[in-house]
């Protein structure tokens, strides 16, 4: 466990090992969450948390509708191509 001190200006220094672990750099915006146990710092995300259902219809598809078999074949082909790329590394 690391520790730090509160400055007269209310500032704290986050130990370098923790900044490195979380990939936090100068200027990083953090959310400060106050709880009964103390404070928690979380990386402030530039966008709200979302899921695929909320964005699935953002880009309209104007092509021919694909059958389930066509989709499965395309997925299988993509997996094969990805595996070949991994083998070349």
PDB file of N, CA and C in Angstrom:
ATOM      1  N   UNK A   1       0.847  -1.179   0.000  1.00  0.00           N
ATOM      2  CA  UNK A   1       0.000   0.000   0.000  1.00  0.00           C
ATOM      3  C   UNK A   1       0.886   1.234   0.000  1.00  0.00           C
ATOM      4  N   UNK A   2       0.526   2.210  -0.802  1.00  0.00           N
ATOM      5  CA  UNK A   2       1.261   3.462  -0.880  1.00  0.00           C
ATOM      6  C   UNK A   2       0.557   4.516  -0.044  1.00  0.00           C
ATOM      7  N   UNK A   3       1.295   5.569   0.290  1.00  0.00           N
ATOM      8  CA  UNK A   3       0.683   6.680   1.015  1.00  0.00           C
ATOM      9  C   UNK A   3       1.180   7.991   0.423  1.00  0.00           C
ATOM     10  N   UNK A   4       0.471   9.056   0.724  1.00  0.00           N
ATOM     11  CA  UNK A   4       0.821  10.385   0.239  1.00  0.00           C
ATOM     12  C   UNK A   4       0.353  11.398   1.268  1.00  0.00           C
ATOM     13  N   UNK A   5       0.699  12.661   1.083  1.00  0.00           N
ATOM     14  CA  UNK A   5       0.291  13.712   2.017  1.00  0.00           C
ATOM     15  C   UNK A   5      -0.553  14.749   1.285  1.00  0.00           C
ATOM     16  N   UNK A   6      -1.437  15.365   2.028  1.00  0.00           N
ATOM     17  CA  UNK A   6      -2.259  16.442   1.514  1.00  0.00           C
ATOM     18  C   UNK A   6      -1.498  17.749   1.673  1.00  0.00           C
ATOM     19  N   UNK A   7      -1.351  18.512   0.588  1.00  0.00           N
ATOM     20  CA  UNK A   7      -0.628  19.783   0.659  1.00  0.00           C
ATOM     21  C   UNK A   7      -1.546  20.883   1.202  1.00  0.00           C
ATOM     22  N   UNK A   8      -0.966  22.037   1.475  1.00  0.00           N
ATOM     23  CA  UNK A   8      -1.755  23.173   1.967  1.00  0.00           C
ATOM     24  C   UNK A   8      -2.773  23.639   0.924  1.00  0.00           C
ATOM     25  N   UNK A   9      -2.547  23.297  -0.331  1.00  0.00           N
ATOM     26  CA  UNK A   9      -3.479  23.653  -1.409  1.00  0.00           C
ATOM     27  C   UNK A   9      -4.503  22.545  -1.674  1.00  0.00           C
ATOM     28  N   UNK A  10      -4.488  21.493  -0.869  1.00  0.00           N
ATOM     29  CA  UNK A  10      -5.426  20.389  -1.053  1.00  0.00           C
ATOM     30  C   UNK A  10      -5.009  19.412  -2.126  1.00  0.00           C
ATOM     31  N   UNK A  11      -3.745  19.433  -2.511  1.00  0.00           N
ATOM     32  CA  UNK A  11      -3.256  18.552  -3.565  1.00  0.00           C
ATOM     33  C   UNK A  11      -2.586  17.319  -2.969  1.00  0.00           C
ATOM     34  N   UNK A  12      -2.659  16.209  -3.715  1.00  0.00           N
ATOM     35  CA  UNK A  12      -1.942  14.991  -3.341  1.00  0.00           C
ATOM     36  C   UNK A  12      -1.143  14.526  -4.552  1.00  0.00           C
ATOM     37  N   UNK A  13      -0.045  13.856  -4.292  1.00  0.00           N
ATOM     38  CA  UNK A  13       0.753  13.264  -5.360  1.00  0.00           C
ATOM     39  C   UNK A  13       0.422  11.781  -5.408  1.00  0.00           C
ATOM     40  N   UNK A  14      -0.004  11.315  -6.569  1.00  0.00           N
ATOM     41  CA  UNK A  14      -0.276   9.886  -6.746  1.00  0.00           C
ATOM     42  C   UNK A  14       1.060   9.232  -7.067  1.00  0.00           C
ATOM     43  N   UNK A  15       1.454   8.216  -6.288  1.00  0.00           N
ATOM     44  CA  UNK A  15       2.755   7.578  -6.518  1.00  0.00           C
ATOM     45  C   UNK A  15       2.917   7.120  -7.974  1.00  0.00           C
ATOM     46  N   UNK A  16       4.135   7.244  -8.481  1.00  0.00           N
ATOM     47  CA  UNK A  16       4.438   6.918  -9.879  1.00  0.00           C
ATOM     48  C   UNK A  16       4.046   5.491 -10.230  1.00  0.00           C
ATOM     49  N   UNK A  17       4.273   4.559  -9.318  1.00  0.00           N
ATOM     50  CA  UNK A  17       3.936   3.158  -9.617  1.00  0.00           C
ATOM     51  C   UNK A  17       2.445   2.995  -9.903  1.00  0.00           C
ATOM     52  N   UNK A  18       1.613   3.743  -9.197  1.00  0.00           N
ATOM     53  CA  UNK A  18       0.167   3.666  -9.418  1.00  0.00           C
ATOM     54  C   UNK A  18      -0.206   4.381 -10.710  1.00  0.00           C
ATOM     55  N   UNK A  19       0.404   5.545 -10.973  1.00  0.00           N
ATOM     56  CA  UNK A  19       0.139   6.254 -12.233  1.00  0.00           C
ATOM     57  C   UNK A  19       0.518   5.384 -13.424  1.00  0.00           C
ATOM     58  N   UNK A  20       1.668   4.722 -13.329  1.00  0.00           N
ATOM     59  CA  UNK A  20       2.115   3.848 -14.424  1.00  0.00           C
ATOM     60  C   UNK A  20       1.161   2.670 -14.613  1.00  0.00           C
ATOM     61  N   UNK A  21       0.737   2.076 -13.509  1.00  0.00           N
ATOM     62  CA  UNK A  21      -0.163   0.920 -13.573  1.00  0.00           C
ATOM     63  C   UNK A  21      -1.466   1.268 -14.295  1.00  0.00           C
ATOM     64  N   UNK A  22      -1.966   2.477 -14.054  1.00  0.00           N
ATOM     65  CA  UNK A  22      -3.242   2.895 -14.645  1.00  0.00           C
ATOM     66  C   UNK A  22      -3.064   3.710 -15.927  1.00  0.00           C
ATOM     67  N   UNK A  23      -1.800   3.887 -16.353  1.00  0.00           N
ATOM     68  CA  UNK A  23      -1.489   4.654 -17.566  1.00  0.00           C
ATOM     69  C   UNK A  23      -2.014   6.091 -17.466  1.00  0.00           C
ATOM     70  N   UNK A  24      -1.868   6.688 -16.275  1.00  0.00           N
ATOM     71  CA  UNK A  24      -2.277   8.071 -16.056  1.00  0.00           C
ATOM     72  C   UNK A  24      -1.078   8.976 -16.279  1.00  0.00           C
ATOM     73  N   UNK A  25      -1.296  10.049 -17.029  1.00  0.00           N
ATOM     74  CA  UNK A  25      -0.235  11.001 -17.343  1.00  0.00           C
ATOM     75  C   UNK A  25      -0.670  12.399 -16.930  1.00  0.00           C
ATOM     76  N   UNK A  26       0.271  13.319 -16.956  1.00  0.00           N
ATOM     77  CA  UNK A  26      -0.021  14.710 -16.616  1.00  0.00           C
ATOM     78  C   UNK A  26      -1.218  15.194 -17.429  1.00  0.00           C
ATOM     79  N   UNK A  27      -2.163  15.822 -16.756  1.00  0.00           N
ATOM     80  CA  UNK A  27      -3.359  16.330 -17.421  1.00  0.00           C
ATOM     81  C   UNK A  27      -4.526  15.354 -17.443  1.00  0.00           C
ATOM     82  N   UNK A  28      -4.293  14.123 -16.997  1.00  0.00           N
ATOM     83  CA  UNK A  28      -5.357  13.106 -16.972  1.00  0.00           C
ATOM     84  C   UNK A  28      -6.498  13.592 -16.086  1.00  0.00           C
ATOM     85  N   UNK A  29      -7.728  13.546 -16.593  1.00  0.00           N
ATOM     86  CA  UNK A  29      -8.882  13.911 -15.782  1.00  0.00           C
ATOM     87  C   UNK A  29      -9.335  12.691 -14.993  1.00  0.00           C
ATOM     88  N   UNK A  30      -9.585  12.918 -13.708  1.00  0.00           N
ATOM     89  CA  UNK A  30     -10.025  11.849 -12.821  1.00  0.00           C
ATOM     90  C   UNK A  30     -11.333  12.245 -12.160  1.00  0.00           C
ATOM     91  N   UNK A  31     -12.188  11.270 -11.920  1.00  0.00           N
ATOM     92  CA  UNK A  31     -13.404  11.494 -11.146  1.00  0.00           C
ATOM     93  C   UNK A  31     -13.071  11.209  -9.692  1.00  0.00           C
ATOM     94  N   UNK A  32     -13.544  12.056  -8.793  1.00  0.00           N
ATOM     95  CA  UNK A  32     -13.338  11.864  -7.361  1.00  0.00           C
ATOM     96  C   UNK A  32     -14.666  11.413  -6.778  1.00  0.00           C
ATOM     97  N   UNK A  33     -14.672  10.218  -6.199  1.00  0.00           N
ATOM     98  CA  UNK A  33     -15.888   9.647  -5.633  1.00  0.00           C
ATOM     99  C   UNK A  33     -15.718   9.587  -4.125  1.00  0.00           C
ATOM    100  N   UNK A  34     -16.622  10.250  -3.416  1.00  0.00           N
ATOM    101  CA  UNK A  34     -16.574  10.321  -1.957  1.00  0.00           C
ATOM    102  C   UNK A  34     -17.452   9.215  -1.375  1.00  0.00           C
ATOM    103  N   UNK A  35     -16.915   8.474  -0.420  1.00  0.00           N
ATOM    104  CA  UNK A  35     -17.692   7.422   0.239  1.00  0.00           C
ATOM    105  C   UNK A  35     -17.382   7.440   1.731  1.00  0.00           C
ATOM    106  N   UNK A  36     -18.080   6.621   2.484  1.00  0.00           N
ATOM    107  CA  UNK A  36     -17.838   6.544   3.929  1.00  0.00           C
ATOM    108  C   UNK A  36     -16.422   6.071   4.233  1.00  0.00           C
ATOM    109  N   UNK A  37     -15.849   5.251   3.353  1.00  0.00           N
ATOM    110  CA  UNK A  37     -14.512   4.702   3.575  1.00  0.00           C
ATOM    111  C   UNK A  37     -13.402   5.637   3.126  1.00  0.00           C
ATOM    112  N   UNK A  38     -13.724   6.690   2.390  1.00  0.00           N
ATOM    113  CA  UNK A  38     -12.702   7.610   1.913  1.00  0.00           C
ATOM    114  C   UNK A  38     -12.994   8.055   0.493  1.00  0.00           C
ATOM    115  N   UNK A  39     -11.947   8.310  -0.261  1.00  0.00           N
ATOM    116  CA  UNK A  39     -12.079   8.773  -1.639  1.00  0.00           C
ATOM    117  C   UNK A  39     -11.632   7.699  -2.613  1.00  0.00           C
ATOM    118  N   UNK A  40     -12.247   7.708  -3.784  1.00  0.00           N
ATOM    119  CA  UNK A  40     -11.811   6.817  -4.845  1.00  0.00           C
ATOM    120  C   UNK A  40     -11.608   7.674  -6.092  1.00  0.00           C
ATOM    121  N   UNK A  41     -10.503   7.446  -6.794  1.00  0.00           N
ATOM    122  CA  UNK A  41     -10.223   8.140  -8.044  1.00  0.00           C
ATOM    123  C   UNK A  41     -10.444   7.180  -9.198  1.00  0.00           C
ATOM    124  N   UNK A  42     -11.190   7.640 -10.199  1.00  0.00           N
ATOM    125  CA  UNK A  42     -11.432   6.834 -11.390  1.00  0.00           C
ATOM    126  C   UNK A  42     -11.119   7.682 -12.606  1.00  0.00           C
ATOM    127  N   UNK A  43     -10.577   7.038 -13.630  1.00  0.00           N
ATOM    128  CA  UNK A  43     -10.302   7.728 -14.885  1.00  0.00           C
ATOM    129  C   UNK A  43     -11.607   8.254 -15.467  1.00  0.00           C
ATOM    130  N   UNK A  44     -11.612   9.528 -15.826  1.00  0.00           N
ATOM    131  CA  UNK A  44     -12.803  10.109 -16.436  1.00  0.00           C
ATOM    132  C   UNK A  44     -12.823   9.715 -17.901  1.00  0.00           C
ATOM    133  N   UNK A  45     -13.889   9.081 -18.323  1.00  0.00           N
ATOM    134  CA  UNK A  45     -14.029   8.612 -19.698  1.00  0.00           C
ATOM    135  C   UNK A  45     -14.522   9.751 -20.585  1.00  0.00           C
ATOM    136  N   UNK A  46     -14.018   9.836 -21.813  1.00  0.00           N
ATOM    137  CA  UNK A  46     -14.464  10.913 -22.703  1.00  0.00           C
ATOM    138  C   UNK A  46     -15.899  10.717 -23.197  1.00  0.00           C
ATOM    139  N   UNK A  47     -16.393   9.482 -23.137  1.00  0.00           N
ATOM    140  CA  UNK A  47     -17.742   9.194 -23.600  1.00  0.00           C
ATOM    141  C   UNK A  47     -18.471   8.405 -22.525  1.00  0.00           C
ATOM    142  N   UNK A  48     -19.803   8.504 -22.529  1.00  0.00           N
ATOM    143  CA  UNK A  48     -20.592   7.715 -21.595  1.00  0.00           C
ATOM    144  C   UNK A  48     -20.438   6.234 -21.925  1.00  0.00           C
ATOM    145  N   UNK A  49     -20.542   5.388 -20.893  1.00  0.00           N
ATOM    146  CA  UNK A  49     -20.494   3.946 -21.104  1.00  0.00           C
ATOM    147  C   UNK A  49     -21.692   3.554 -21.968  1.00  0.00           C
ATOM    148  N   UNK A  50     -21.452   2.679 -22.921  1.00  0.00           N
ATOM    149  CA  UNK A  50     -22.513   2.280 -23.840  1.00  0.00           C
ATOM    150  C   UNK A  50     -22.420   0.786 -24.120  1.00  0.00           C
ATOM    151  N   UNK A  51     -23.365   0.275 -24.860  1.00  0.00           N
ATOM    152  CA  UNK A  51     -23.328  -1.134 -25.254  1.00  0.00           C
ATOM    153  C   UNK A  51     -23.724  -1.237 -26.722  1.00  0.00           C
ATOM    154  N   UNK A  52     -23.560  -2.404 -27.276  1.00  0.00           N
ATOM    155  CA  UNK A  52     -23.792  -2.597 -28.709  1.00  0.00           C
ATOM    156  C   UNK A  52     -25.241  -2.330 -29.102  1.00  0.00           C
ATOM    157  N   UNK A  53     -26.181  -2.638 -28.227  1.00  0.00           N
ATOM    158  CA  UNK A  53     -27.590  -2.425 -28.564  1.00  0.00           C
ATOM    159  C   UNK A  53     -27.903  -0.948 -28.786  1.00  0.00           C
ATOM    160  N   UNK A  54     -27.229  -0.086 -28.022  1.00  0.00           N
ATOM    161  CA  UNK A  54     -27.527   1.342 -28.144  1.00  0.00           C
ATOM    162  C   UNK A  54     -26.900   1.978 -29.378  1.00  0.00           C
ATOM    163  N   UNK A  55     -25.914   1.316 -29.982  1.00  0.00           N
ATOM    164  CA  UNK A  55     -25.269   1.894 -31.161  1.00  0.00           C
ATOM    165  C   UNK A  55     -25.450   1.056 -32.426  1.00  0.00           C
ATOM    166  N   UNK A  56     -26.125  -0.065 -32.320  1.00  0.00           N
ATOM    167  CA  UNK A  56     -26.240  -0.989 -33.454  1.00  0.00           C
ATOM    168  C   UNK A  56     -26.878  -0.347 -34.677  1.00  0.00           C
ATOM    169  N   UNK A  57     -27.813   0.542 -34.496  1.00  0.00           N
ATOM    170  CA  UNK A  57     -28.498   1.129 -35.634  1.00  0.00           C
ATOM    171  C   UNK A  57     -27.945   2.459 -36.091  1.00  0.00           C
ATOM    172  N   UNK A  58     -26.791   2.853 -35.605  1.00  0.00           N
ATOM    173  CA  UNK A  58     -26.226   4.163 -35.965  1.00  0.00           C
ATOM    174  C   UNK A  58     -25.913   4.282 -37.447  1.00  0.00           C
ATOM    175  N   UNK A  59     -25.361   3.253 -38.029  1.00  0.00           N
ATOM    176  CA  UNK A  59     -24.984   3.297 -39.439  1.00  0.00           C
ATOM    177  C   UNK A  59     -25.949   2.427 -40.236  1.00  0.00           C
ATOM    178  N   UNK A  60     -26.697   3.030 -41.127  1.00  0.00           N
ATOM    179  CA  UNK A  60     -27.662   2.238 -41.894  1.00  0.00           C
ATOM    180  C   UNK A  60     -26.964   1.329 -42.900  1.00  0.00           C
ATOM    181  N   UNK A  61     -27.529   0.147 -43.099  1.00  0.00           N
ATOM    182  CA  UNK A  61     -27.021  -0.799 -44.092  1.00  0.00           C
ATOM    183  C   UNK A  61     -27.966  -0.762 -45.274  1.00  0.00           C
ATOM    184  N   UNK A  62     -27.431  -0.488 -46.451  1.00  0.00           N
ATOM    185  CA  UNK A  62     -28.297  -0.364 -47.624  1.00  0.00           C
ATOM    186  C   UNK A  62     -28.097  -1.500 -48.623  1.00  0.00           C
ATOM    187  N   UNK A  63     -27.269  -2.474 -48.267  1.00  0.00           N
ATOM    188  CA  UNK A  63     -27.007  -3.587 -49.173  1.00  0.00           C
ATOM    189  C   UNK A  63     -28.050  -4.680 -49.062  1.00  0.00           C
ATOM    190  N   UNK A  64     -27.803  -5.762 -49.796  1.00  0.00           N
ATOM    191  CA  UNK A  64     -28.692  -6.922 -49.788  1.00  0.00           C
ATOM    192  C   UNK A  64     -28.624  -7.594 -48.416  1.00  0.00           C
ATOM    193  N   UNK A  65     -29.772  -8.032 -47.924  1.00  0.00           N
ATOM    194  CA  UNK A  65     -29.820  -8.731 -46.645  1.00  0.00           C
ATOM    195  C   UNK A  65     -29.062 -10.045 -46.755  1.00  0.00           C
ATOM    196  N   UNK A  66     -28.230 -10.336 -45.755  1.00  0.00           N
ATOM    197  CA  UNK A  66     -27.429 -11.563 -45.749  1.00  0.00           C
ATOM    198  C   UNK A  66     -28.171 -12.657 -44.989  1.00  0.00           C
ATOM    199  N   UNK A  67     -28.025 -13.883 -45.457  1.00  0.00           N
ATOM    200  CA  UNK A  67     -28.626 -15.024 -44.765  1.00  0.00           C
ATOM    201  C   UNK A  67     -27.733 -15.416 -43.588  1.00  0.00           C
ATOM    202  N   UNK A  68     -28.278 -16.202 -42.690  1.00  0.00           N
ATOM    203  CA  UNK A  68     -27.506 -16.683 -41.548  1.00  0.00           C
ATOM    204  C   UNK A  68     -26.295 -17.478 -42.024  1.00  0.00           C
ATOM    205  N   UNK A  69     -26.465 -18.280 -43.060  1.00  0.00           N
ATOM    206  CA  UNK A  69     -25.362 -19.077 -43.591  1.00  0.00           C
ATOM    207  C   UNK A  69     -24.248 -18.175 -44.129  1.00  0.00           C
ATOM    208  N   UNK A  70     -24.629 -17.099 -44.821  1.00  0.00           N
ATOM    209  CA  UNK A  70     -23.629 -16.161 -45.346  1.00  0.00           C
ATOM    210  C   UNK A  70     -22.872 -15.474 -44.210  1.00  0.00           C
ATOM    211  N   UNK A  71     -23.595 -15.097 -43.165  1.00  0.00           N
ATOM    212  CA  UNK A  71     -22.947 -14.464 -42.010  1.00  0.00           C
ATOM    213  C   UNK A  71     -21.973 -15.425 -41.337  1.00  0.00           C
ATOM    214  N   UNK A  72     -22.411 -16.670 -41.125  1.00  0.00           N
ATOM    215  CA  UNK A  72     -21.543 -17.661 -40.483  1.00  0.00           C
ATOM    216  C   UNK A  72     -20.303 -17.940 -41.327  1.00  0.00           C
ATOM    217  N   UNK A  73     -20.459 -17.999 -42.647  1.00  0.00           N
ATOM    218  CA  UNK A  73     -19.314 -18.230 -43.534  1.00  0.00           C
ATOM    219  C   UNK A  73     -18.332 -17.062 -43.458  1.00  0.00           C
ATOM    220  N   UNK A  74     -18.843 -15.839 -43.411  1.00  0.00           N
ATOM    221  CA  UNK A  74     -17.975 -14.661 -43.316  1.00  0.00           C
ATOM    222  C   UNK A  74     -17.226 -14.639 -41.987  1.00  0.00           C
ATOM    223  N   UNK A  75     -17.900 -15.011 -40.910  1.00  0.00           N
ATOM    224  CA  UNK A  75     -17.250 -15.068 -39.593  1.00  0.00           C
ATOM    225  C   UNK A  75     -16.152 -16.121 -39.596  1.00  0.00           C
ATOM    226  N   UNK A  76     -16.446 -17.295 -40.154  1.00  0.00           N
ATOM    227  CA  UNK A  76     -15.444 -18.365 -40.222  1.00  0.00           C
ATOM    228  C   UNK A  76     -14.240 -17.923 -41.046  1.00  0.00           C
ATOM    229  N   UNK A  77     -14.484 -17.267 -42.181  1.00  0.00           N
ATOM    230  CA  UNK A  77     -13.387 -16.785 -43.028  1.00  0.00           C
ATOM    231  C   UNK A  77     -12.546 -15.754 -42.275  1.00  0.00           C
ATOM    232  N   UNK A  78     -13.192 -14.866 -41.547  1.00  0.00           N
ATOM    233  CA  UNK A  78     -12.463 -13.871 -40.759  1.00  0.00           C
ATOM    234  C   UNK A  78     -11.606 -14.516 -39.689  1.00  0.00           C
ATOM    235  N   UNK A  79     -12.122 -15.568 -39.046  1.00  0.00           N
ATOM    236  CA  UNK A  79     -11.352 -16.281 -38.022  1.00  0.00           C
ATOM    237  C   UNK A  79     -10.132 -16.951 -38.634  1.00  0.00           C
ATOM    238  N   UNK A  80     -10.296 -17.546 -39.813  1.00  0.00           N
ATOM    239  CA  UNK A  80      -9.169 -18.194 -40.505  1.00  0.00           C
ATOM    240  C   UNK A  80      -8.103 -17.163 -40.850  1.00  0.00           C
ATOM    241  N   UNK A  81      -8.516 -16.019 -41.402  1.00  0.00           N
ATOM    242  CA  UNK A  81      -7.559 -14.967 -41.768  1.00  0.00           C
ATOM    243  C   UNK A  81      -6.840 -14.412 -40.542  1.00  0.00           C
ATOM    244  N   UNK A  82      -7.571 -14.257 -39.452  1.00  0.00           N
ATOM    245  CA  UNK A  82      -6.964 -13.756 -38.214  1.00  0.00           C
ATOM    246  C   UNK A  82      -5.936 -14.746 -37.673  1.00  0.00           C
ATOM    247  N   UNK A  83      -6.262 -16.046 -37.732  1.00  0.00           N
ATOM    248  CA  UNK A  83      -5.331 -17.075 -37.255  1.00  0.00           C
ATOM    249  C   UNK A  83      -4.067 -17.094 -38.107  1.00  0.00           C
ATOM    250  N   UNK A  84      -4.217 -16.908 -39.422  1.00  0.00           N
ATOM    251  CA  UNK A  84      -3.044 -16.872 -40.308  1.00  0.00           C
ATOM    252  C   UNK A  84      -2.141 -15.694 -39.965  1.00  0.00           C
ATOM    253  N   UNK A  85      -2.734 -14.536 -39.662  1.00  0.00           N
ATOM    254  CA  UNK A  85      -1.945 -13.356 -39.281  1.00  0.00           C
ATOM    255  C   UNK A  85      -1.188 -13.620 -37.986  1.00  0.00           C
ATOM    256  N   UNK A  86      -1.863 -14.279 -37.020  1.00  0.00           N
ATOM    257  CA  UNK A  86      -1.219 -14.591 -35.739  1.00  0.00           C
ATOM    258  C   UNK A  86      -0.043 -15.536 -35.932  1.00  0.00           C
ATOM    259  N   UNK A  87      -0.179 -16.492 -36.868  1.00  0.00           N
ATOM    260  CA  UNK A  87       0.895 -17.457 -37.127  1.00  0.00           C
ATOM    261  C   UNK A  87       2.128 -16.790 -37.725  1.00  0.00           C
ATOM    262  N   UNK A  88       1.922 -15.700 -38.474  1.00  0.00           N
ATOM    263  CA  UNK A  88       3.038 -15.001 -39.125  1.00  0.00           C
ATOM    264  C   UNK A  88       3.838 -14.141 -38.153  1.00  0.00           C
ATOM    265  N   UNK A  89       3.308 -13.864 -37.000  1.00  0.00           N
ATOM    266  CA  UNK A  89       3.991 -12.987 -36.032  1.00  0.00           C
ATOM    267  C   UNK A  89       5.087 -13.688 -35.323  1.00  0.00           C
TER     268      UNK A  89
END
